[in-house]
Amino acid sequence: MIPREHIKSLKAALSVPEYFRLTNHFVKRAGKNYVTHCPFHKDKTPSCFLYEDHFHCYGCLERGDVIEAHMKLKNT
């Protein structure tokens, strides 16, 4: 089991928009947040909003923090 402090420090080290950029997703500014095409469903227009601490797709309703994004993208 990973200590909660370690998980908290991992989440603080990398924001969700930074993670999506690092995984080669085109991320663009949408007000004070970011938006991208959702990697979890076929997306004609960007519907996945990226906030500093979480993501939320308004098309397929996937959501989570940076660790959950990594787990879902890597199928782990």
C-alpha atoms as a PDB file:
ATOM      1  CA  MET A   1       0.000   0.000   0.000  1.00  0.00           C
ATOM      2  CA  ILE A   2       1.300   3.435  -0.954  1.00  0.00           C
ATOM      3  CA  PRO A   3       1.291   5.965   1.905  1.00  0.00           C
ATOM      4  CA  ARG A   4      -1.253   8.788   1.512  1.00  0.00           C
ATOM      5  CA  GLU A   5       1.496  11.401   1.857  1.00  0.00           C
ATOM      6  CA  HIS A   6       3.284   9.925  -1.162  1.00  0.00           C
ATOM      7  CA  ILE A   7       0.092   9.985  -3.255  1.00  0.00           C
ATOM      8  CA  LYS A   8      -0.586  13.562  -2.180  1.00  0.00           C
ATOM      9  CA  SER A   9       2.930  14.639  -3.197  1.00  0.00           C
ATOM     10  CA  LEU A  10       2.579  12.913  -6.593  1.00  0.00           C
ATOM     11  CA  LYS A  11      -0.675  14.746  -7.268  1.00  0.00           C
ATOM     12  CA  ALA A  12       0.901  18.060  -6.241  1.00  0.00           C
ATOM     13  CA  ALA A  13       3.930  17.525  -8.491  1.00  0.00           C
ATOM     14  CA  LEU A  14       2.003  17.266 -11.771  1.00  0.00           C
ATOM     15  CA  SER A  15      -1.216  19.026 -12.727  1.00  0.00           C
ATOM     16  CA  VAL A  16      -3.797  17.323 -14.914  1.00  0.00           C
ATOM     17  CA  PRO A  17      -3.230  19.695 -17.890  1.00  0.00           C
ATOM     18  CA  GLU A  18       0.547  19.083 -17.658  1.00  0.00           C
ATOM     19  CA  TYR A  19      -0.010  15.329 -17.609  1.00  0.00           C
ATOM     20  CA  PHE A  20      -2.227  15.431 -20.712  1.00  0.00           C
ATOM     21  CA  ARG A  21       0.379  17.579 -22.517  1.00  0.00           C
ATOM     22  CA  LEU A  22       3.121  15.101 -21.588  1.00  0.00           C
ATOM     23  CA  THR A  23       1.039  12.237 -23.000  1.00  0.00           C
ATOM     24  CA  ASN A  24       0.880  14.021 -26.395  1.00  0.00           C
ATOM     25  CA  HIS A  25      -2.659  15.348 -26.173  1.00  0.00           C
ATOM     26  CA  PHE A  26      -3.354  18.706 -27.774  1.00  0.00           C
ATOM     27  CA  VAL A  27      -4.417  20.934 -24.888  1.00  0.00           C
ATOM     28  CA  LYS A  28      -5.814  24.414 -25.421  1.00  0.00           C
ATOM     29  CA  ARG A  29      -6.838  27.162 -23.043  1.00  0.00           C
ATOM     30  CA  ALA A  30     -10.552  27.513 -22.240  1.00  0.00           C
ATOM     31  CA  GLY A  31     -10.941  30.479 -19.907  1.00  0.00           C
ATOM     32  CA  LYS A  32      -8.862  29.782 -16.824  1.00  0.00           C
ATOM     33  CA  ASN A  33      -8.872  26.018 -17.479  1.00  0.00           C
ATOM     34  CA  TYR A  34      -8.024  23.763 -20.439  1.00  0.00           C
ATOM     35  CA  VAL A  35      -9.834  21.509 -22.888  1.00  0.00           C
ATOM     36  CA  THR A  36      -8.807  18.557 -25.090  1.00  0.00           C
ATOM     37  CA  HIS A  37     -10.357  15.826 -27.195  1.00  0.00           C
ATOM     38  CA  CYS A  38     -11.350  13.040 -24.850  1.00  0.00           C
ATOM     39  CA  PRO A  39      -9.052  10.017 -25.120  1.00  0.00           C
ATOM     40  CA  PHE A  40     -11.792   7.742 -23.754  1.00  0.00           C
ATOM     41  CA  HIS A  41     -14.312   8.072 -26.605  1.00  0.00           C
ATOM     42  CA  LYS A  42     -14.518   9.315 -30.206  1.00  0.00           C
ATOM     43  CA  ASP A  43     -14.675  13.051 -29.842  1.00  0.00           C
ATOM     44  CA  LYS A  44     -15.307  15.384 -32.815  1.00  0.00           C
ATOM     45  CA  THR A  45     -15.056  18.513 -30.680  1.00  0.00           C
ATOM     46  CA  PRO A  46     -13.058  18.862 -27.456  1.00  0.00           C
ATOM     47  CA  SER A  47     -15.276  17.833 -24.558  1.00  0.00           C
ATOM     48  CA  CYS A  48     -12.741  16.882 -21.883  1.00  0.00           C
ATOM     49  CA  PHE A  49     -12.114  19.791 -19.552  1.00  0.00           C
ATOM     50  CA  LEU A  50      -8.857  19.826 -17.636  1.00  0.00           C
ATOM     51  CA  TYR A  51      -8.618  21.537 -14.282  1.00  0.00           C
ATOM     52  CA  GLU A  52      -5.472  21.744 -12.159  1.00  0.00           C
ATOM     53  CA  ASP A  53      -6.527  18.839  -9.925  1.00  0.00           C
ATOM     54  CA  HIS A  54      -8.943  16.806 -12.090  1.00  0.00           C
ATOM     55  CA  PHE A  55     -10.426  16.193 -15.526  1.00  0.00           C
ATOM     56  CA  HIS A  56     -14.055  15.840 -16.553  1.00  0.00           C
ATOM     57  CA  CYS A  57     -15.404  14.808 -19.951  1.00  0.00           C
ATOM     58  CA  TYR A  58     -18.838  16.229 -20.616  1.00  0.00           C
ATOM     59  CA  GLY A  59     -19.304  13.745 -23.492  1.00  0.00           C
ATOM     60  CA  CYS A  60     -18.715  10.357 -21.846  1.00  0.00           C
ATOM     61  CA  LEU A  61     -18.645  11.531 -18.193  1.00  0.00           C
ATOM     62  CA  GLU A  62     -15.183  10.100 -17.441  1.00  0.00           C
ATOM     63  CA  ARG A  63     -13.525  11.973 -14.608  1.00  0.00           C
ATOM     64  CA  GLY A  64     -10.659  11.701 -12.184  1.00  0.00           C
ATOM     65  CA  ASP A  65      -7.404  13.123 -10.876  1.00  0.00           C
ATOM     66  CA  VAL A  66      -3.938  12.848 -12.422  1.00  0.00           C
ATOM     67  CA  ILE A  67      -3.340   9.347 -11.043  1.00  0.00           C
ATOM     68  CA  GLU A  68      -6.720   8.096 -12.284  1.00  0.00           C
ATOM     69  CA  ALA A  69      -6.027   9.669 -15.707  1.00  0.00           C
ATOM     70  CA  HIS A  70      -2.742   7.763 -15.917  1.00  0.00           C
ATOM     71  CA  MET A  71      -4.360   4.492 -14.825  1.00  0.00           C
ATOM     72  CA  LYS A  72      -7.183   4.858 -17.365  1.00  0.00           C
ATOM     73  CA  LEU A  73      -4.873   5.841 -20.240  1.00  0.00           C
ATOM     74  CA  LYS A  74      -2.482   2.967 -19.509  1.00  0.00           C
ATOM     75  CA  ASN A  75      -5.239   0.420 -18.666  1.00  0.00           C
ATOM     76  CA  THR A  76      -3.789  -0.313 -15.243  1.00  0.00           C
END
